[in-house]
Amino acid sequence: MTNDAYGHAWRRIRARVLRGAQACAICGGPLDFDAPPRSRWAPSVDHVLSVKALRGVDGATRERLLLDERNCRPVHYGCNAARGAGLRDKPNHVSRGWIV
């Protein structure tokens, strides 16, 4: 798949994952669709099985998993960044007391 085709497919999946989403799958806080892009509370899409974890997997399988909606969840941009490429469910730090 070309980069353009991958980008188009990813944008479609991202839109479907965020459609109707209200809460971050990591911290449980509300997603702020009015927040500036790439700000801490803006909506983002996280790969449950991270992109980094898929390194070394053959190309077709990796591409299929990266574009699989079941491997994606709605999250805050900040929670996604704090989670990084690891497999843990909770970010290292969240300023609000949502994590129990």
PDB file of N, CA and C in Angstrom:
ATOM      1  N   MET A   1       0.858  -1.180   0.000  1.00  0.00           N
ATOM      2  CA  MET A   1       0.000   0.000   0.000  1.00  0.00           C
ATOM      3  C   MET A   1       0.896   1.233   0.000  1.00  0.00           C
ATOM      4  N   THR A   2       0.591   2.191  -0.847  1.00  0.00           N
ATOM      5  CA  THR A   2       1.386   3.415  -0.910  1.00  0.00           C
ATOM      6  C   THR A   2       1.115   4.270   0.327  1.00  0.00           C
ATOM      7  N   ASN A   3       1.993   5.221   0.586  1.00  0.00           N
ATOM      8  CA  ASN A   3       1.814   6.118   1.735  1.00  0.00           C
ATOM      9  C   ASN A   3       0.503   6.885   1.640  1.00  0.00           C
ATOM     10  N   ASP A   4       0.151   7.330   0.416  1.00  0.00           N
ATOM     11  CA  ASP A   4      -1.112   8.059   0.237  1.00  0.00           C
ATOM     12  C   ASP A   4      -2.307   7.176   0.561  1.00  0.00           C
ATOM     13  N   ALA A   5      -2.277   5.934   0.075  1.00  0.00           N
ATOM     14  CA  ALA A   5      -3.381   5.003   0.328  1.00  0.00           C
ATOM     15  C   ALA A   5      -3.452   4.670   1.813  1.00  0.00           C
ATOM     16  N   TYR A   6      -2.287   4.468   2.450  1.00  0.00           N
ATOM     17  CA  TYR A   6      -2.272   4.186   3.888  1.00  0.00           C
ATOM     18  C   TYR A   6      -2.845   5.379   4.658  1.00  0.00           C
ATOM     19  N   GLY A   7      -2.415   6.591   4.295  1.00  0.00           N
ATOM     20  CA  GLY A   7      -2.896   7.790   4.981  1.00  0.00           C
ATOM     21  C   GLY A   7      -4.401   7.948   4.852  1.00  0.00           C
ATOM     22  N   HIS A   8      -4.920   7.687   3.672  1.00  0.00           N
ATOM     23  CA  HIS A   8      -6.362   7.783   3.444  1.00  0.00           C
ATOM     24  C   HIS A   8      -7.101   6.729   4.274  1.00  0.00           C
ATOM     25  N   ALA A   9      -6.602   5.498   4.275  1.00  0.00           N
ATOM     26  CA  ALA A   9      -7.228   4.426   5.057  1.00  0.00           C
ATOM     27  C   ALA A   9      -7.190   4.765   6.547  1.00  0.00           C
ATOM     28  N   TRP A  10      -6.054   5.302   7.012  1.00  0.00           N
ATOM     29  CA  TRP A  10      -5.933   5.644   8.438  1.00  0.00           C
ATOM     30  C   TRP A  10      -6.911   6.757   8.817  1.00  0.00           C
ATOM     31  N   ARG A  11      -7.062   7.768   7.972  1.00  0.00           N
ATOM     32  CA  ARG A  11      -7.991   8.858   8.266  1.00  0.00           C
ATOM     33  C   ARG A  11      -9.432   8.330   8.379  1.00  0.00           C
ATOM     34  N   ARG A  12      -9.806   7.389   7.511  1.00  0.00           N
ATOM     35  CA  ARG A  12     -11.148   6.790   7.583  1.00  0.00           C
ATOM     36  C   ARG A  12     -11.339   6.018   8.888  1.00  0.00           C
ATOM     37  N   ILE A  13     -10.346   5.228   9.272  1.00  0.00           N
ATOM     38  CA  ILE A  13     -10.442   4.444  10.516  1.00  0.00           C
ATOM     39  C   ILE A  13     -10.472   5.373  11.715  1.00  0.00           C
ATOM     40  N   ARG A  14      -9.610   6.390  11.720  1.00  0.00           N
ATOM     41  CA  ARG A  14      -9.572   7.355  12.822  1.00  0.00           C
ATOM     42  C   ARG A  14     -10.945   8.010  13.001  1.00  0.00           C
ATOM     43  N   ALA A  15     -11.556   8.413  11.893  1.00  0.00           N
ATOM     44  CA  ALA A  15     -12.876   9.049  11.960  1.00  0.00           C
ATOM     45  C   ALA A  15     -13.915   8.086  12.533  1.00  0.00           C
ATOM     46  N   ARG A  16     -13.878   6.824  12.119  1.00  0.00           N
ATOM     47  CA  ARG A  16     -14.846   5.838  12.640  1.00  0.00           C
ATOM     48  C   ARG A  16     -14.640   5.575  14.131  1.00  0.00           C
ATOM     49  N   VAL A  17     -13.381   5.488  14.569  1.00  0.00           N
ATOM     50  CA  VAL A  17     -13.086   5.222  15.984  1.00  0.00           C
ATOM     51  C   VAL A  17     -13.549   6.391  16.851  1.00  0.00           C
ATOM     52  N   LEU A  18     -13.363   7.615  16.371  1.00  0.00           N
ATOM     53  CA  LEU A  18     -13.727   8.788  17.166  1.00  0.00           C
ATOM     54  C   LEU A  18     -15.212   9.146  17.075  1.00  0.00           C
ATOM     55  N   ARG A  19     -15.898   8.646  16.057  1.00  0.00           N
ATOM     56  CA  ARG A  19     -17.322   8.960  15.883  1.00  0.00           C
ATOM     57  C   ARG A  19     -18.100   8.456  17.101  1.00  0.00           C
ATOM     58  N   GLY A  20     -18.718   9.368  17.801  1.00  0.00           N
ATOM     59  CA  GLY A  20     -19.532   9.015  18.959  1.00  0.00           C
ATOM     60  C   GLY A  20     -18.736   8.763  20.236  1.00  0.00           C
ATOM     61  N   ALA A  21     -17.408   8.791  20.164  1.00  0.00           N
ATOM     62  CA  ALA A  21     -16.590   8.560  21.364  1.00  0.00           C
ATOM     63  C   ALA A  21     -16.758   9.727  22.327  1.00  0.00           C
ATOM     64  N   GLN A  22     -16.845   9.423  23.601  1.00  0.00           N
ATOM     65  CA  GLN A  22     -17.014  10.463  24.606  1.00  0.00           C
ATOM     66  C   GLN A  22     -15.922  10.464  25.660  1.00  0.00           C
ATOM     67  N   ALA A  23     -15.318   9.287  25.905  1.00  0.00           N
ATOM     68  CA  ALA A  23     -14.344   9.186  26.993  1.00  0.00           C
ATOM     69  C   ALA A  23     -13.040   8.564  26.508  1.00  0.00           C
ATOM     70  N   CYS A  24     -11.965   8.938  27.176  1.00  0.00           N
ATOM     71  CA  CYS A  24     -10.637   8.387  26.905  1.00  0.00           C
ATOM     72  C   CYS A  24     -10.579   6.954  27.427  1.00  0.00           C
ATOM     73  N   ALA A  25     -10.129   6.040  26.590  1.00  0.00           N
ATOM     74  CA  ALA A  25     -10.030   4.634  26.981  1.00  0.00           C
ATOM     75  C   ALA A  25      -8.893   4.385  27.964  1.00  0.00           C
ATOM     76  N   ILE A  26      -8.008   5.347  28.143  1.00  0.00           N
ATOM     77  CA  ILE A  26      -6.899   5.163  29.082  1.00  0.00           C
ATOM     78  C   ILE A  26      -7.254   5.717  30.460  1.00  0.00           C
ATOM     79  N   CYS A  27      -7.696   6.980  30.515  1.00  0.00           N
ATOM     80  CA  CYS A  27      -7.941   7.599  31.829  1.00  0.00           C
ATOM     81  C   CYS A  27      -9.424   7.715  32.182  1.00  0.00           C
ATOM     82  N   GLY A  28     -10.305   7.574  31.183  1.00  0.00           N
ATOM     83  CA  GLY A  28     -11.738   7.659  31.447  1.00  0.00           C
ATOM     84  C   GLY A  28     -12.314   9.068  31.411  1.00  0.00           C
ATOM     85  N   GLY A  29     -11.459  10.070  31.231  1.00  0.00           N
ATOM     86  CA  GLY A  29     -11.921  11.454  31.191  1.00  0.00           C
ATOM     87  C   GLY A  29     -12.601  11.781  29.875  1.00  0.00           C
ATOM     88  N   PRO A  30     -13.398  12.858  29.849  1.00  0.00           N
ATOM     89  CA  PRO A  30     -14.112  13.222  28.621  1.00  0.00           C
ATOM     90  C   PRO A  30     -13.161  13.734  27.540  1.00  0.00           C
ATOM     91  N   LEU A  31     -13.449  13.365  26.290  1.00  0.00           N
ATOM     92  CA  LEU A  31     -12.679  13.868  25.155  1.00  0.00           C
ATOM     93  C   LEU A  31     -13.185  15.264  24.811  1.00  0.00           C
ATOM     94  N   ASP A  32     -12.280  16.182  24.537  1.00  0.00           N
ATOM     95  CA  ASP A  32     -12.643  17.558  24.217  1.00  0.00           C
ATOM     96  C   ASP A  32     -12.459  17.796  22.720  1.00  0.00           C
ATOM     97  N   PHE A  33     -13.553  17.646  21.960  1.00  0.00           N
ATOM     98  CA  PHE A  33     -13.483  17.802  20.511  1.00  0.00           C
ATOM     99  C   PHE A  33     -13.285  19.266  20.103  1.00  0.00           C
ATOM    100  N   ASP A  34     -13.375  20.191  21.045  1.00  0.00           N
ATOM    101  CA  ASP A  34     -13.127  21.610  20.760  1.00  0.00           C
ATOM    102  C   ASP A  34     -11.697  22.013  21.097  1.00  0.00           C
ATOM    103  N   ALA A  35     -10.924  21.128  21.681  1.00  0.00           N
ATOM    104  CA  ALA A  35      -9.538  21.431  22.043  1.00  0.00           C
ATOM    105  C   ALA A  35      -8.704  21.580  20.769  1.00  0.00           C
ATOM    106  N   PRO A  36      -7.675  22.431  20.817  1.00  0.00           N
ATOM    107  CA  PRO A  36      -6.796  22.562  19.652  1.00  0.00           C
ATOM    108  C   PRO A  36      -6.140  21.211  19.329  1.00  0.00           C
ATOM    109  N   PRO A  37      -5.919  20.927  18.049  1.00  0.00           N
ATOM    110  CA  PRO A  37      -5.261  19.660  17.681  1.00  0.00           C
ATOM    111  C   PRO A  37      -3.933  19.503  18.417  1.00  0.00           C
ATOM    112  N   ARG A  38      -3.662  18.303  18.827  1.00  0.00           N
ATOM    113  CA  ARG A  38      -2.422  17.933  19.529  1.00  0.00           C
ATOM    114  C   ARG A  38      -2.265  18.588  20.897  1.00  0.00           C
ATOM    115  N   SER A  39      -3.357  19.103  21.439  1.00  0.00           N
ATOM    116  CA  SER A  39      -3.300  19.582  22.820  1.00  0.00           C
ATOM    117  C   SER A  39      -3.634  18.397  23.733  1.00  0.00           C
ATOM    118  N   ARG A  40      -3.309  18.493  24.985  1.00  0.00           N
ATOM    119  CA  ARG A  40      -3.432  17.389  25.931  1.00  0.00           C
ATOM    120  C   ARG A  40      -4.804  16.715  25.931  1.00  0.00           C
ATOM    121  N   TRP A  41      -5.899  17.465  25.851  1.00  0.00           N
ATOM    122  CA  TRP A  41      -7.245  16.890  25.989  1.00  0.00           C
ATOM    123  C   TRP A  41      -7.932  16.624  24.653  1.00  0.00           C
ATOM    124  N   ALA A  42      -7.247  16.910  23.546  1.00  0.00           N
ATOM    125  CA  ALA A  42      -7.817  16.665  22.218  1.00  0.00           C
ATOM    126  C   ALA A  42      -7.962  15.165  21.968  1.00  0.00           C
ATOM    127  N   PRO A  43      -8.956  14.760  21.209  1.00  0.00           N
ATOM    128  CA  PRO A  43      -9.127  13.340  20.898  1.00  0.00           C
ATOM    129  C   PRO A  43      -8.028  12.819  19.974  1.00  0.00           C
ATOM    130  N   SER A  44      -7.660  11.593  20.205  1.00  0.00           N
ATOM    131  CA  SER A  44      -6.641  10.919  19.413  1.00  0.00           C
ATOM    132  C   SER A  44      -7.051   9.450  19.315  1.00  0.00           C
ATOM    133  N   VAL A  45      -6.373   8.698  18.477  1.00  0.00           N
ATOM    134  CA  VAL A  45      -6.637   7.265  18.372  1.00  0.00           C
ATOM    135  C   VAL A  45      -5.361   6.524  18.716  1.00  0.00           C
ATOM    136  N   ASP A  46      -5.483   5.571  19.611  1.00  0.00           N
ATOM    137  CA  ASP A  46      -4.357   4.779  20.099  1.00  0.00           C
ATOM    138  C   ASP A  46      -4.450   3.365  19.543  1.00  0.00           C
ATOM    139  N   HIS A  47      -3.311   2.829  19.122  1.00  0.00           N
ATOM    140  CA  HIS A  47      -3.238   1.414  18.761  1.00  0.00           C
ATOM    141  C   HIS A  47      -3.028   0.626  20.055  1.00  0.00           C
ATOM    142  N   VAL A  48      -3.922  -0.292  20.391  1.00  0.00           N
ATOM    143  CA  VAL A  48      -3.785  -1.104  21.595  1.00  0.00           C
ATOM    144  C   VAL A  48      -2.495  -1.909  21.505  1.00  0.00           C
ATOM    145  N   LEU A  49      -2.308  -2.622  20.411  1.00  0.00           N
ATOM    146  CA  LEU A  49      -1.041  -3.281  20.132  1.00  0.00           C
ATOM    147  C   LEU A  49      -0.245  -2.251  19.353  1.00  0.00           C
ATOM    148  N   SER A  50       0.750  -1.667  19.995  1.00  0.00           N
ATOM    149  CA  SER A  50       1.418  -0.478  19.464  1.00  0.00           C
ATOM    150  C   SER A  50       2.142  -0.723  18.146  1.00  0.00           C
ATOM    151  N   VAL A  51       2.359   0.359  17.437  1.00  0.00           N
ATOM    152  CA  VAL A  51       3.094   0.323  16.179  1.00  0.00           C
ATOM    153  C   VAL A  51       4.486  -0.246  16.431  1.00  0.00           C
ATOM    154  N   LYS A  52       5.113   0.163  17.516  1.00  0.00           N
ATOM    155  CA  LYS A  52       6.455  -0.322  17.847  1.00  0.00           C
ATOM    156  C   LYS A  52       6.440  -1.826  18.121  1.00  0.00           C
ATOM    157  N   ALA A  53       5.401  -2.309  18.777  1.00  0.00           N
ATOM    158  CA  ALA A  53       5.307  -3.736  19.082  1.00  0.00           C
ATOM    159  C   ALA A  53       5.182  -4.575  17.815  1.00  0.00           C
ATOM    160  N   LEU A  54       4.747  -3.952  16.726  1.00  0.00           N
ATOM    161  CA  LEU A  54       4.556  -4.685  15.472  1.00  0.00           C
ATOM    162  C   LEU A  54       5.794  -4.678  14.582  1.00  0.00           C
ATOM    163  N   ARG A  55       6.862  -4.045  15.023  1.00  0.00           N
ATOM    164  CA  ARG A  55       8.108  -4.088  14.247  1.00  0.00           C
ATOM    165  C   ARG A  55       8.569  -5.539  14.177  1.00  0.00           C
ATOM    166  N   GLY A  56       9.039  -5.925  13.038  1.00  0.00           N
ATOM    167  CA  GLY A  56       9.505  -7.295  12.868  1.00  0.00           C
ATOM    168  C   GLY A  56       8.416  -8.229  12.361  1.00  0.00           C
ATOM    169  N   VAL A  57       7.148  -7.807  12.441  1.00  0.00           N
ATOM    170  CA  VAL A  57       6.045  -8.595  11.898  1.00  0.00           C
ATOM    171  C   VAL A  57       6.048  -8.372  10.391  1.00  0.00           C
ATOM    172  N   ASP A  58       5.746  -9.423   9.620  1.00  0.00           N
ATOM    173  CA  ASP A  58       5.794  -9.275   8.156  1.00  0.00           C
ATOM    174  C   ASP A  58       4.885  -8.132   7.699  1.00  0.00           C
ATOM    175  N   GLY A  59       5.227  -7.512   6.582  1.00  0.00           N
ATOM    176  CA  GLY A  59       4.592  -6.297   6.104  1.00  0.00           C
ATOM    177  C   GLY A  59       3.087  -6.356   5.979  1.00  0.00           C
ATOM    178  N   ALA A  60       2.551  -7.404   5.357  1.00  0.00           N
ATOM    179  CA  ALA A  60       1.105  -7.492   5.139  1.00  0.00           C
ATOM    180  C   ALA A  60       0.360  -7.627   6.461  1.00  0.00           C
ATOM    181  N   THR A  61       0.880  -8.445   7.368  1.00  0.00           N
ATOM    182  CA  THR A  61       0.238  -8.631   8.677  1.00  0.00           C
ATOM    183  C   THR A  61       0.305  -7.353   9.486  1.00  0.00           C
ATOM    184  N   ARG A  62       1.446  -6.697   9.467  1.00  0.00           N
ATOM    185  CA  ARG A  62       1.636  -5.435  10.203  1.00  0.00           C
ATOM    186  C   ARG A  62       0.645  -4.387   9.692  1.00  0.00           C
ATOM    187  N   GLU A  63       0.562  -4.254   8.377  1.00  0.00           N
ATOM    188  CA  GLU A  63      -0.343  -3.275   7.785  1.00  0.00           C
ATOM    189  C   GLU A  63      -1.794  -3.578   8.164  1.00  0.00           C
ATOM    190  N   ARG A  64      -2.170  -4.856   8.125  1.00  0.00           N
ATOM    191  CA  ARG A  64      -3.532  -5.248   8.479  1.00  0.00           C
ATOM    192  C   ARG A  64      -3.841  -4.892   9.928  1.00  0.00           C
ATOM    193  N   LEU A  65      -2.896  -5.146  10.844  1.00  0.00           N
ATOM    194  CA  LEU A  65      -3.119  -4.839  12.260  1.00  0.00           C
ATOM    195  C   LEU A  65      -3.152  -3.336  12.523  1.00  0.00           C
ATOM    196  N   LEU A  66      -2.321  -2.577  11.823  1.00  0.00           N
ATOM    197  CA  LEU A  66      -2.310  -1.125  12.005  1.00  0.00           C
ATOM    198  C   LEU A  66      -3.613  -0.493  11.534  1.00  0.00           C
ATOM    199  N   LEU A  67      -4.252  -1.105  10.543  1.00  0.00           N
ATOM    200  CA  LEU A  67      -5.484  -0.553   9.992  1.00  0.00           C
ATOM    201  C   LEU A  67      -6.723  -1.308  10.472  1.00  0.00           C
ATOM    202  N   ASP A  68      -6.587  -2.077  11.542  1.00  0.00           N
ATOM    203  CA  ASP A  68      -7.715  -2.834  12.101  1.00  0.00           C
ATOM    204  C   ASP A  68      -8.383  -2.007  13.196  1.00  0.00           C
ATOM    205  N   GLU A  69      -9.639  -1.656  12.975  1.00  0.00           N
ATOM    206  CA  GLU A  69     -10.383  -0.854  13.966  1.00  0.00           C
ATOM    207  C   GLU A  69     -10.405  -1.496  15.344  1.00  0.00           C
ATOM    208  N   ARG A  70     -10.378  -2.820  15.393  1.00  0.00           N
ATOM    209  CA  ARG A  70     -10.419  -3.516  16.690  1.00  0.00           C
ATOM    210  C   ARG A  70      -9.128  -3.326  17.479  1.00  0.00           C
ATOM    211  N   ASN A  71      -8.073  -2.848  16.827  1.00  0.00           N
ATOM    212  CA  ASN A  71      -6.806  -2.570  17.497  1.00  0.00           C
ATOM    213  C   ASN A  71      -6.682  -1.088  17.846  1.00  0.00           C
ATOM    214  N   CYS A  72      -7.768  -0.342  17.711  1.00  0.00           N
ATOM    215  CA  CYS A  72      -7.749   1.100  17.955  1.00  0.00           C
ATOM    216  C   CYS A  72      -8.765   1.488  19.014  1.00  0.00           C
ATOM    217  N   ARG A  73      -8.443   2.532  19.754  1.00  0.00           N
ATOM    218  CA  ARG A  73      -9.374   3.037  20.770  1.00  0.00           C
ATOM    219  C   ARG A  73      -9.236   4.545  20.886  1.00  0.00           C
ATOM    220  N   PRO A  74     -10.340   5.229  21.264  1.00  0.00           N
ATOM    221  CA  PRO A  74     -10.291   6.687  21.406  1.00  0.00           C
ATOM    222  C   PRO A  74      -9.615   7.069  22.719  1.00  0.00           C
ATOM    223  N   VAL A  75      -8.718   8.027  22.646  1.00  0.00           N
ATOM    224  CA  VAL A  75      -7.975   8.474  23.829  1.00  0.00           C
ATOM    225  C   VAL A  75      -7.692   9.971  23.718  1.00  0.00           C
ATOM    226  N   HIS A  76      -7.234  10.569  24.815  1.00  0.00           N
ATOM    227  CA  HIS A  76      -6.719  11.942  24.765  1.00  0.00           C
ATOM    228  C   HIS A  76      -5.360  11.919  24.064  1.00  0.00           C
ATOM    229  N   TYR A  77      -5.050  12.981  23.357  1.00  0.00           N
ATOM    230  CA  TYR A  77      -3.735  13.100  22.739  1.00  0.00           C
ATOM    231  C   TYR A  77      -2.641  12.998  23.813  1.00  0.00           C
ATOM    232  N   GLY A  78      -2.846  13.656  24.948  1.00  0.00           N
ATOM    233  CA  GLY A  78      -1.856  13.626  26.032  1.00  0.00           C
ATOM    234  C   GLY A  78      -1.683  12.244  26.636  1.00  0.00           C
ATOM    235  N   CYS A  79      -2.771  11.508  26.817  1.00  0.00           N
ATOM    236  CA  CYS A  79      -2.684  10.140  27.360  1.00  0.00           C
ATOM    237  C   CYS A  79      -1.965   9.229  26.379  1.00  0.00           C
ATOM    238  N   ASN A  80      -2.237   9.416  25.091  1.00  0.00           N
ATOM    239  CA  ASN A  80      -1.588   8.614  24.066  1.00  0.00           C
ATOM    240  C   ASN A  80      -0.084   8.886  24.057  1.00  0.00           C
ATOM    241  N   ALA A  81       0.289  10.149  24.158  1.00  0.00           N
ATOM    242  CA  ALA A  81       1.704  10.517  24.168  1.00  0.00           C
ATOM    243  C   ALA A  81       2.394   9.993  25.422  1.00  0.00           C
ATOM    244  N   ALA A  82       1.718  10.072  26.565  1.00  0.00           N
ATOM    245  CA  ALA A  82       2.310   9.598  27.822  1.00  0.00           C
ATOM    246  C   ALA A  82       2.463   8.081  27.820  1.00  0.00           C
ATOM    247  N   ARG A  83       1.521   7.389  27.182  1.00  0.00           N
ATOM    248  CA  ARG A  83       1.594   5.933  27.092  1.00  0.00           C
ATOM    249  C   ARG A  83       2.773   5.524  26.234  1.00  0.00           C
ATOM    250  N   GLY A  84       3.044   6.307  25.196  1.00  0.00           N
ATOM    251  CA  GLY A  84       4.163   6.002  24.315  1.00  0.00           C
ATOM    252  C   GLY A  84       3.952   4.699  23.573  1.00  0.00           C
ATOM    253  N   ALA A  85       5.025   3.999  23.298  1.00  0.00           N
ATOM    254  CA  ALA A  85       4.956   2.773  22.509  1.00  0.00           C
ATOM    255  C   ALA A  85       4.814   1.537  23.376  1.00  0.00           C
ATOM    256  N   GLY A  86       4.660   1.723  24.664  1.00  0.00           N
ATOM    257  CA  GLY A  86       4.574   0.575  25.558  1.00  0.00           C
ATOM    258  C   GLY A  86       3.235  -0.120  25.503  1.00  0.00           C
ATOM    259  N   LEU A  87       3.076  -1.158  26.299  1.00  0.00           N
ATOM    260  CA  LEU A  87       1.847  -1.930  26.322  1.00  0.00           C
ATOM    261  C   LEU A  87       1.027  -1.686  27.578  1.00  0.00           C
ATOM    262  N   ARG A  88       1.473  -0.747  28.431  1.00  0.00           N
ATOM    263  CA  ARG A  88       0.723  -0.480  29.658  1.00  0.00           C
ATOM    264  C   ARG A  88      -0.560   0.282  29.349  1.00  0.00           C
ATOM    265  N   ASP A  89      -1.562   0.163  30.202  1.00  0.00           N
ATOM    266  CA  ASP A  89      -2.846   0.818  29.957  1.00  0.00           C
ATOM    267  C   ASP A  89      -2.922   2.211  30.541  1.00  0.00           C
ATOM    268  N   LYS A  90      -2.166   2.509  31.565  1.00  0.00           N
ATOM    269  CA  LYS A  90      -2.268   3.809  32.222  1.00  0.00           C
ATOM    270  C   LYS A  90      -1.074   4.679  31.846  1.00  0.00           C
ATOM    271  N   PRO A  91      -1.304   5.982  31.633  1.00  0.00           N
ATOM    272  CA  PRO A  91      -0.186   6.868  31.328  1.00  0.00           C
ATOM    273  C   PRO A  91       0.688   7.057  32.568  1.00  0.00           C
ATOM    274  N   ASN A  92       1.899   7.545  32.358  1.00  0.00           N
ATOM    275  CA  ASN A  92       2.798   7.783  33.478  1.00  0.00           C
ATOM    276  C   ASN A  92       2.264   8.854  34.416  1.00  0.00           C
ATOM    277  N   HIS A  93       1.592   9.866  33.868  1.00  0.00           N
ATOM    278  CA  HIS A  93       1.119  10.959  34.687  1.00  0.00           C
ATOM    279  C   HIS A  93      -0.097  11.606  34.048  1.00  0.00           C
ATOM    280  N   VAL A  94      -1.120  11.820  34.826  1.00  0.00           N
ATOM    281  CA  VAL A  94      -2.300  12.560  34.381  1.00  0.00           C
ATOM    282  C   VAL A  94      -2.602  13.563  35.471  1.00  0.00           C
ATOM    283  N   SER A  95      -2.774  14.821  35.090  1.00  0.00           N
ATOM    284  CA  SER A  95      -2.937  15.875  36.095  1.00  0.00           C
ATOM    285  C   SER A  95      -4.288  15.840  36.789  1.00  0.00           C
ATOM    286  N   ARG A  96      -5.286  15.214  36.191  1.00  0.00           N
ATOM    287  CA  ARG A  96      -6.592  15.129  36.834  1.00  0.00           C
ATOM    288  C   ARG A  96      -6.716  13.799  37.553  1.00  0.00           C
ATOM    289  N   GLY A  97      -7.555  13.743  38.570  1.00  0.00           N
ATOM    290  CA  GLY A  97      -7.664  12.542  39.381  1.00  0.00           C
ATOM    291  C   GLY A  97      -8.597  11.488  38.825  1.00  0.00           C
ATOM    292  N   TRP A  98      -8.490  11.165  37.523  1.00  0.00           N
ATOM    293  CA  TRP A  98      -9.401  10.217  36.910  1.00  0.00           C
ATOM    294  C   TRP A  98      -8.957   8.771  37.096  1.00  0.00           C
ATOM    295  N   ILE A  99      -7.672   8.556  37.261  1.00  0.00           N
ATOM    296  CA  ILE A  99      -7.174   7.185  37.377  1.00  0.00           C
ATOM    297  C   ILE A  99      -7.350   6.704  38.811  1.00  0.00           C
ATOM    298  N   VAL A 100      -7.904   5.551  38.948  1.00  0.00           N
ATOM    299  CA  VAL A 100      -8.129   4.998  40.280  1.00  0.00           C
ATOM    300  C   VAL A 100      -7.082   3.978  40.600  1.00  0.00           C
TER     301      VAL A 100
END
